[in-house]
Each structure stands twice: as structure tokens, then as C-alpha cells.
Amino acid sequence: MKIIGITGGIGGGKSTILNFISSHYIAEIYYADEIARELELPGTIVYDRLVSIFGNDILENDFDHAIDKKKFAHAIYSDKESLDKANMIIHPAVENYLNEKMRAAVKQHETELFFVEAALLIENGYNDIVDEMWYIYADDETRIKRLMEDRGYTRKKAISIMESQLSDKDFRDNSDVIIDNSGKLEDALEQVKARLEGFTWVE
């Protein structure tokens, strides 16, 4: 089983590439953001630790008292210390979750490819976990156009988010494989198929 990290800036098309892979290869695919949201649900250790630090102000005013995404974001992005505290709770929990899934996949001998997706894989040290790190690249103007059309972002918002992430050079310097998704999707998918040649193709 090969473990592959998928990273890249917003608007690069990571999810599109992974949707193709999930349809045509014997693969398990995990999105770090989705895992984090699951681990933050009421009744979990992560939830309890976050509430103990940031208080009830980050909770929704409903029956379950779940963590409110917007309130939580406001609390942790207000200063670097708060963000660091949250990351010290969330990221190790996500990593432990993924390690358990990896061990189970190896033991069952049914999965050929194990993918982990997140924009922050490099920053969070996943190079030490994965066999290969893939950078899904698209040029800035293509990404801005996608974000404006697909998500309704303003050009200013798209640029602001992009500037908060790693630079193209940082992604390239820390990745083993670069998939260029700037042009036609078919061209990017051909790059993926070439890289995964030898693994089982599923129609």
C-alpha cells in the first residue's frame, strides 16, 4: 500500500483530482478537515479540551451545543497564541486517527492507495508520514477564476486567502510530485494516471 499526501493552495483542484482517483483506483481517501470536524463533535476528547480552553462562546445555541464554525474561527484566528493552542489539540488527534486508519488498511490488505488531503500537510509534518507528497498546482489567475465562479468569492477575498498559504516555491520544494491542473482537466488526469501506472484500474 502506498501512502500519498495531496496538498496545494485553495482553488488548485485537489478535490477534483481525488474524486477521479476514488472512481478508478482501489483507494482510501481521507480529508483532514473533515476528520477534524468529526473529532470536534460533542462527546469527544477534542471537543472537551477546546471548550475548556475557549469557553462556551464558541458553541452554537442549540440542543447539542456543537462548536460553531464561525465563532470558533473568530476565536482561534484572533491571535497566534490561540491558533497554536487549537492546533496543538486538533492536529495530533487527526494524525492519530489517520495512523489508526493506515494500520487497519495495511492489516486488511485490501487497499492499494491511501490518500490524505489537506492544505497544511507540509506545515504539519506529514512528509514524515506519507510515501509521496503530491502538489496539485494551478496558476494564480486560474485559481482566482475558479474561486470566483465556484464559490462566489470576490477577487480580493480569493487573493487574501491565497496569500495566507504557502508559496508556490514552498509547495514545490516540499513535494515529490507536481500535478499541473492549470489547463484542461483531462491533461491533469493523464498526469495522475501516468504516476499511478501499475496500480489496479477500476472502470
C-alpha atoms as a PDB file:
ATOM      1  CA  MET A   1       0.000   0.000   0.000  1.00  0.00           C
ATOM      2  CA  LYS A   2       1.320   3.421  -0.941  1.00  0.00           C
ATOM      3  CA  ILE A   3       0.507   6.408   1.264  1.00  0.00           C
ATOM      4  CA  ILE A   4       0.206   9.685  -0.641  1.00  0.00           C
ATOM      5  CA  GLY A   5      -0.355  13.199   0.627  1.00  0.00           C
ATOM      6  CA  ILE A   6      -2.307  15.616  -1.544  1.00  0.00           C
ATOM      7  CA  THR A   7      -1.670  19.284  -0.916  1.00  0.00           C
ATOM      8  CA  GLY A   8      -1.753  22.637  -2.654  1.00  0.00           C
ATOM      9  CA  GLY A   9      -3.326  26.045  -2.390  1.00  0.00           C
ATOM     10  CA  ILE A  10      -7.028  26.797  -2.456  1.00  0.00           C
ATOM     11  CA  GLY A  11      -8.548  26.597  -5.923  1.00  0.00           C
ATOM     12  CA  GLY A  12      -5.928  24.193  -7.215  1.00  0.00           C
ATOM     13  CA  GLY A  13      -8.405  21.370  -7.703  1.00  0.00           C
ATOM     14  CA  LYS A  14      -7.358  18.844  -5.068  1.00  0.00           C
ATOM     15  CA  SER A  15     -10.882  17.514  -4.548  1.00  0.00           C
ATOM     16  CA  THR A  16     -11.462  17.137  -8.289  1.00  0.00           C
ATOM     17  CA  ILE A  17      -8.316  15.056  -8.653  1.00  0.00           C
ATOM     18  CA  LEU A  18      -9.261  12.893  -5.671  1.00  0.00           C
ATOM     19  CA  ASN A  19     -12.791  12.352  -6.974  1.00  0.00           C
ATOM     20  CA  PHE A  20     -11.252  10.902 -10.132  1.00  0.00           C
ATOM     21  CA  ILE A  21      -8.902   8.682  -8.115  1.00  0.00           C
ATOM     22  CA  SER A  22     -11.712   7.403  -5.897  1.00  0.00           C
ATOM     23  CA  SER A  23     -13.667   6.366  -9.002  1.00  0.00           C
ATOM     24  CA  HIS A  24     -10.882   4.485 -10.753  1.00  0.00           C
ATOM     25  CA  TYR A  25      -8.456   3.077  -8.169  1.00  0.00           C
ATOM     26  CA  ILE A  26      -8.606   0.828  -5.111  1.00  0.00           C
ATOM     27  CA  ALA A  27      -8.022   3.659  -2.693  1.00  0.00           C
ATOM     28  CA  GLU A  28      -8.982   5.043   0.674  1.00  0.00           C
ATOM     29  CA  ILE A  29      -9.160   8.836   0.757  1.00  0.00           C
ATOM     30  CA  TYR A  30      -9.283  10.982   3.870  1.00  0.00           C
ATOM     31  CA  TYR A  31      -9.742  14.741   4.093  1.00  0.00           C
ATOM     32  CA  ALA A  32      -8.038  16.194   7.157  1.00  0.00           C
ATOM     33  CA  ASP A  33     -10.600  19.000   7.518  1.00  0.00           C
ATOM     34  CA  GLU A  34     -13.481  16.501   7.569  1.00  0.00           C
ATOM     35  CA  ILE A  35     -11.694  14.367  10.156  1.00  0.00           C
ATOM     36  CA  ALA A  36     -11.118  17.429  12.335  1.00  0.00           C
ATOM     37  CA  ARG A  37     -14.814  18.352  12.191  1.00  0.00           C
ATOM     38  CA  GLU A  38     -15.738  14.806  13.207  1.00  0.00           C
ATOM     39  CA  LEU A  39     -13.280  14.863  16.092  1.00  0.00           C
ATOM     40  CA  GLU A  40     -14.696  18.187  17.302  1.00  0.00           C
ATOM     41  CA  LEU A  41     -18.231  16.851  17.788  1.00  0.00           C
ATOM     42  CA  PRO A  42     -19.775  16.941  21.284  1.00  0.00           C
ATOM     43  CA  GLY A  43     -18.749  13.989  23.420  1.00  0.00           C
ATOM     44  CA  THR A  44     -15.206  13.743  22.071  1.00  0.00           C
ATOM     45  CA  ILE A  45     -11.982  14.464  23.931  1.00  0.00           C
ATOM     46  CA  VAL A  46     -11.069  17.134  21.387  1.00  0.00           C
ATOM     47  CA  TYR A  47     -14.409  18.897  21.922  1.00  0.00           C
ATOM     48  CA  ASP A  48     -13.976  18.871  25.697  1.00  0.00           C
ATOM     49  CA  ARG A  49     -10.439  20.238  25.515  1.00  0.00           C
ATOM     50  CA  LEU A  50     -11.378  23.013  23.072  1.00  0.00           C
ATOM     51  CA  VAL A  51     -14.324  24.128  25.196  1.00  0.00           C
ATOM     52  CA  SER A  52     -12.185  24.078  28.330  1.00  0.00           C
ATOM     53  CA  ILE A  53      -9.747  26.496  26.672  1.00  0.00           C
ATOM     54  CA  PHE A  54     -12.023  28.739  24.609  1.00  0.00           C
ATOM     55  CA  GLY A  55     -15.198  28.560  26.664  1.00  0.00           C
ATOM     56  CA  ASN A  56     -18.868  28.298  25.763  1.00  0.00           C
ATOM     57  CA  ASP A  57     -18.622  31.338  23.496  1.00  0.00           C
ATOM     58  CA  ILE A  58     -17.536  29.061  20.628  1.00  0.00           C
ATOM     59  CA  LEU A  59     -20.675  26.907  20.894  1.00  0.00           C
ATOM     60  CA  GLU A  60     -23.920  27.019  18.955  1.00  0.00           C
ATOM     61  CA  ASN A  61     -27.070  27.941  20.860  1.00  0.00           C
ATOM     62  CA  ASP A  62     -28.792  24.634  20.134  1.00  0.00           C
ATOM     63  CA  PHE A  63     -29.640  21.456  21.984  1.00  0.00           C
ATOM     64  CA  ASP A  64     -26.336  19.718  21.225  1.00  0.00           C
ATOM     65  CA  HIS A  65     -24.147  22.768  21.924  1.00  0.00           C
ATOM     66  CA  ALA A  66     -21.915  21.864  18.992  1.00  0.00           C
ATOM     67  CA  ILE A  67     -18.920  24.028  18.131  1.00  0.00           C
ATOM     68  CA  ASP A  68     -19.997  26.901  15.907  1.00  0.00           C
ATOM     69  CA  LYS A  69     -17.631  27.050  12.937  1.00  0.00           C
ATOM     70  CA  LYS A  70     -17.686  30.841  12.586  1.00  0.00           C
ATOM     71  CA  LYS A  71     -17.393  31.543  16.315  1.00  0.00           C
ATOM     72  CA  PHE A  72     -14.542  29.058  16.647  1.00  0.00           C
ATOM     73  CA  ALA A  73     -12.696  30.557  13.658  1.00  0.00           C
ATOM     74  CA  HIS A  74     -13.051  34.031  15.160  1.00  0.00           C
ATOM     75  CA  ALA A  75     -11.675  32.783  18.489  1.00  0.00           C
ATOM     76  CA  ILE A  76      -8.623  30.995  17.113  1.00  0.00           C
ATOM     77  CA  TYR A  77      -7.675  33.500  14.423  1.00  0.00           C
ATOM     78  CA  SER A  78      -7.838  36.466  16.771  1.00  0.00           C
ATOM     79  CA  ASP A  79      -4.216  35.904  17.751  1.00  0.00           C
ATOM     80  CA  LYS A  80      -1.417  33.437  17.015  1.00  0.00           C
ATOM     81  CA  GLU A  81      -1.352  32.057  20.561  1.00  0.00           C
ATOM     82  CA  SER A  82      -4.988  30.980  20.324  1.00  0.00           C
ATOM     83  CA  LEU A  83      -4.390  29.350  16.953  1.00  0.00           C
ATOM     84  CA  ASP A  84      -1.375  27.497  18.295  1.00  0.00           C
ATOM     85  CA  LYS A  85      -3.387  26.209  21.262  1.00  0.00           C
ATOM     86  CA  ALA A  86      -6.123  24.895  18.969  1.00  0.00           C
ATOM     87  CA  ASN A  87      -3.625  23.296  16.606  1.00  0.00           C
ATOM     88  CA  MET A  88      -1.871  21.522  19.474  1.00  0.00           C
ATOM     89  CA  ILE A  89      -5.167  19.794  20.257  1.00  0.00           C
ATOM     90  CA  ILE A  90      -6.594  19.183  16.789  1.00  0.00           C
ATOM     91  CA  HIS A  91      -3.608  18.168  14.679  1.00  0.00           C
ATOM     92  CA  PRO A  92      -2.282  15.362  16.932  1.00  0.00           C
ATOM     93  CA  ALA A  93      -5.823  13.965  17.157  1.00  0.00           C
ATOM     94  CA  VAL A  94      -6.182  13.989  13.372  1.00  0.00           C
ATOM     95  CA  GLU A  95      -2.776  12.352  12.989  1.00  0.00           C
ATOM     96  CA  ASN A  96      -3.690   9.609  15.476  1.00  0.00           C
ATOM     97  CA  TYR A  97      -6.955   8.992  13.622  1.00  0.00           C
ATOM     98  CA  LEU A  98      -5.108   8.669  10.312  1.00  0.00           C
ATOM     99  CA  ASN A  99      -2.464   6.386  11.792  1.00  0.00           C
ATOM    100  CA  GLU A 100      -5.197   4.043  13.024  1.00  0.00           C
ATOM    101  CA  LYS A 101      -6.811   4.013   9.576  1.00  0.00           C
ATOM    102  CA  MET A 102      -3.438   3.328   7.951  1.00  0.00           C
ATOM    103  CA  ARG A 103      -2.695   0.417  10.265  1.00  0.00           C
ATOM    104  CA  ALA A 104      -6.137  -1.055   9.618  1.00  0.00           C
ATOM    105  CA  ALA A 105      -5.704  -0.695   5.849  1.00  0.00           C
ATOM    106  CA  VAL A 106      -2.307  -2.411   5.941  1.00  0.00           C
ATOM    107  CA  LYS A 107      -3.690  -5.245   8.044  1.00  0.00           C
ATOM    108  CA  GLN A 108      -6.691  -5.852   5.772  1.00  0.00           C
ATOM    109  CA  HIS A 109      -4.607  -5.974   2.559  1.00  0.00           C
ATOM    110  CA  GLU A 110      -7.498  -4.563   0.515  1.00  0.00           C
ATOM    111  CA  THR A 111      -6.360  -1.004  -0.202  1.00  0.00           C
ATOM    112  CA  GLU A 112      -3.628  -0.241  -2.737  1.00  0.00           C
ATOM    113  CA  LEU A 113      -3.545   3.537  -2.299  1.00  0.00           C
ATOM    114  CA  PHE A 114      -4.098   5.587   0.842  1.00  0.00           C
ATOM    115  CA  PHE A 115      -4.572   9.332   0.282  1.00  0.00           C
ATOM    116  CA  VAL A 116      -4.575  12.149   2.830  1.00  0.00           C
ATOM    117  CA  GLU A 117      -5.668  15.612   1.675  1.00  0.00           C
ATOM    118  CA  ALA A 118      -5.110  18.960   3.361  1.00  0.00           C
ATOM    119  CA  ALA A 119      -3.723  22.360   2.502  1.00  0.00           C
ATOM    120  CA  LEU A 120      -1.484  22.214   5.606  1.00  0.00           C
ATOM    121  CA  LEU A 121       0.113  18.787   5.194  1.00  0.00           C
ATOM    122  CA  ILE A 122       3.584  20.249   4.762  1.00  0.00           C
ATOM    123  CA  GLU A 123       3.302  22.662   7.691  1.00  0.00           C
ATOM    124  CA  ASN A 124       2.054  19.856   9.932  1.00  0.00           C
ATOM    125  CA  GLY A 125       4.929  17.493   9.160  1.00  0.00           C
ATOM    126  CA  TYR A 126       3.133  14.928   7.015  1.00  0.00           C
ATOM    127  CA  ASN A 127       6.228  14.472   4.857  1.00  0.00           C
ATOM    128  CA  ASP A 128       7.377  12.118   7.613  1.00  0.00           C
ATOM    129  CA  ILE A 129       4.182  10.056   7.324  1.00  0.00           C
ATOM    130  CA  VAL A 130       3.471   9.744   3.600  1.00  0.00           C
ATOM    131  CA  ASP A 131       5.481   7.882   0.964  1.00  0.00           C
ATOM    132  CA  GLU A 132       4.928  10.669  -1.551  1.00  0.00           C
ATOM    133  CA  MET A 133       3.708  14.248  -1.318  1.00  0.00           C
ATOM    134  CA  TRP A 134       1.745  15.472  -4.349  1.00  0.00           C
ATOM    135  CA  TYR A 135       1.350  19.172  -5.053  1.00  0.00           C
ATOM    136  CA  ILE A 136      -1.763  19.964  -7.096  1.00  0.00           C
ATOM    137  CA  TYR A 137      -0.684  23.126  -8.896  1.00  0.00           C
ATOM    138  CA  ALA A 138      -2.654  25.748 -10.797  1.00  0.00           C
ATOM    139  CA  ASP A 139      -1.509  29.241 -11.725  1.00  0.00           C
ATOM    140  CA  ASP A 140      -2.832  32.169  -9.703  1.00  0.00           C
ATOM    141  CA  GLU A 141      -5.269  33.523 -12.282  1.00  0.00           C
ATOM    142  CA  THR A 142      -6.818  30.107 -12.831  1.00  0.00           C
ATOM    143  CA  ARG A 143      -7.304  29.660  -9.101  1.00  0.00           C
ATOM    144  CA  ILE A 144      -8.823  33.123  -8.681  1.00  0.00           C
ATOM    145  CA  LYS A 145     -11.249  32.465 -11.537  1.00  0.00           C
ATOM    146  CA  ARG A 146     -12.317  29.127 -10.029  1.00  0.00           C
ATOM    147  CA  LEU A 147     -12.879  30.639  -6.604  1.00  0.00           C
ATOM    148  CA  MET A 148     -14.946  33.482  -8.023  1.00  0.00           C
ATOM    149  CA  GLU A 149     -17.055  31.192 -10.224  1.00  0.00           C
ATOM    150  CA  ASP A 150     -17.387  28.119  -7.997  1.00  0.00           C
ATOM    151  CA  ARG A 151     -17.517  29.674  -4.530  1.00  0.00           C
ATOM    152  CA  GLY A 152     -18.724  33.174  -5.232  1.00  0.00           C
ATOM    153  CA  TYR A 153     -15.619  34.786  -3.716  1.00  0.00           C
ATOM    154  CA  THR A 154     -14.628  38.293  -4.636  1.00  0.00           C
ATOM    155  CA  ARG A 155     -11.260  38.657  -6.310  1.00  0.00           C
ATOM    156  CA  LYS A 156      -9.983  40.411  -3.174  1.00  0.00           C
ATOM    157  CA  LYS A 157     -11.082  37.551  -0.892  1.00  0.00           C
ATOM    158  CA  ALA A 158      -9.568  34.922  -3.182  1.00  0.00           C
ATOM    159  CA  ILE A 159      -6.219  36.716  -3.269  1.00  0.00           C
ATOM    160  CA  SER A 160      -6.268  37.247   0.504  1.00  0.00           C
ATOM    161  CA  ILE A 161      -6.723  33.534   1.186  1.00  0.00           C
ATOM    162  CA  MET A 162      -4.104  32.549  -1.375  1.00  0.00           C
ATOM    163  CA  GLU A 163      -1.558  34.920   0.154  1.00  0.00           C
ATOM    164  CA  SER A 164      -2.103  33.353   3.599  1.00  0.00           C
ATOM    165  CA  GLN A 165      -1.000  29.938   2.301  1.00  0.00           C
ATOM    166  CA  LEU A 166       2.408  28.576   1.324  1.00  0.00           C
ATOM    167  CA  SER A 167       4.037  29.993  -1.777  1.00  0.00           C
ATOM    168  CA  ASP A 168       4.374  28.002  -4.979  1.00  0.00           C
ATOM    169  CA  LYS A 169       8.090  27.626  -4.240  1.00  0.00           C
ATOM    170  CA  ASP A 170       7.424  26.249  -0.753  1.00  0.00           C
ATOM    171  CA  PHE A 171       4.950  23.697  -2.119  1.00  0.00           C
ATOM    172  CA  ARG A 172       7.388  22.636  -4.841  1.00  0.00           C
ATOM    173  CA  ASP A 173      10.372  22.399  -2.502  1.00  0.00           C
ATOM    174  CA  ASN A 174       8.470  20.076  -0.180  1.00  0.00           C
ATOM    175  CA  SER A 175       6.698  17.847  -2.709  1.00  0.00           C
ATOM    176  CA  ASP A 176       7.764  14.752  -4.619  1.00  0.00           C
ATOM    177  CA  VAL A 177       5.216  15.016  -7.436  1.00  0.00           C
ATOM    178  CA  ILE A 178       3.666  18.047  -9.132  1.00  0.00           C
ATOM    179  CA  ILE A 179       0.351  17.669 -10.949  1.00  0.00           C
ATOM    180  CA  ASP A 180      -0.300  20.701 -13.172  1.00  0.00           C
ATOM    181  CA  ASN A 181      -4.022  21.413 -13.108  1.00  0.00           C
ATOM    182  CA  SER A 182      -3.881  24.841 -14.731  1.00  0.00           C
ATOM    183  CA  GLY A 183      -5.329  23.805 -18.077  1.00  0.00           C
ATOM    184  CA  LYS A 184      -7.772  21.154 -19.204  1.00  0.00           C
ATOM    185  CA  LEU A 185      -8.775  18.686 -16.506  1.00  0.00           C
ATOM    186  CA  GLU A 186      -8.083  15.821 -18.912  1.00  0.00           C
ATOM    187  CA  ASP A 187      -4.415  16.853 -19.035  1.00  0.00           C
ATOM    188  CA  ALA A 188      -4.127  16.770 -15.255  1.00  0.00           C
ATOM    189  CA  LEU A 189      -5.825  13.378 -15.094  1.00  0.00           C
ATOM    190  CA  GLU A 190      -3.363  11.974 -17.623  1.00  0.00           C
ATOM    191  CA  GLN A 191      -0.551  13.035 -15.276  1.00  0.00           C
ATOM    192  CA  VAL A 192      -2.282  11.216 -12.430  1.00  0.00           C
ATOM    193  CA  LYS A 193      -2.747   8.053 -14.479  1.00  0.00           C
ATOM    194  CA  ALA A 194       0.904   8.103 -15.515  1.00  0.00           C
ATOM    195  CA  ARG A 195       2.002   8.415 -11.888  1.00  0.00           C
ATOM    196  CA  LEU A 196      -0.305   5.592 -10.763  1.00  0.00           C
ATOM    197  CA  GLU A 197       0.578   3.249 -13.586  1.00  0.00           C
ATOM    198  CA  GLY A 198       0.852  -0.274 -12.220  1.00  0.00           C
ATOM    199  CA  PHE A 199      -1.948   0.134  -9.694  1.00  0.00           C
ATOM    200  CA  THR A 200      -5.294  -1.545 -10.367  1.00  0.00           C
ATOM    201  CA  TRP A 201      -7.560   0.443 -12.702  1.00  0.00           C
ATOM    202  CA  VAL A 202     -11.274   0.204 -11.938  1.00  0.00           C
ATOM    203  CA  GLU A 203     -13.847   1.074 -14.613  1.00  0.00           C
END
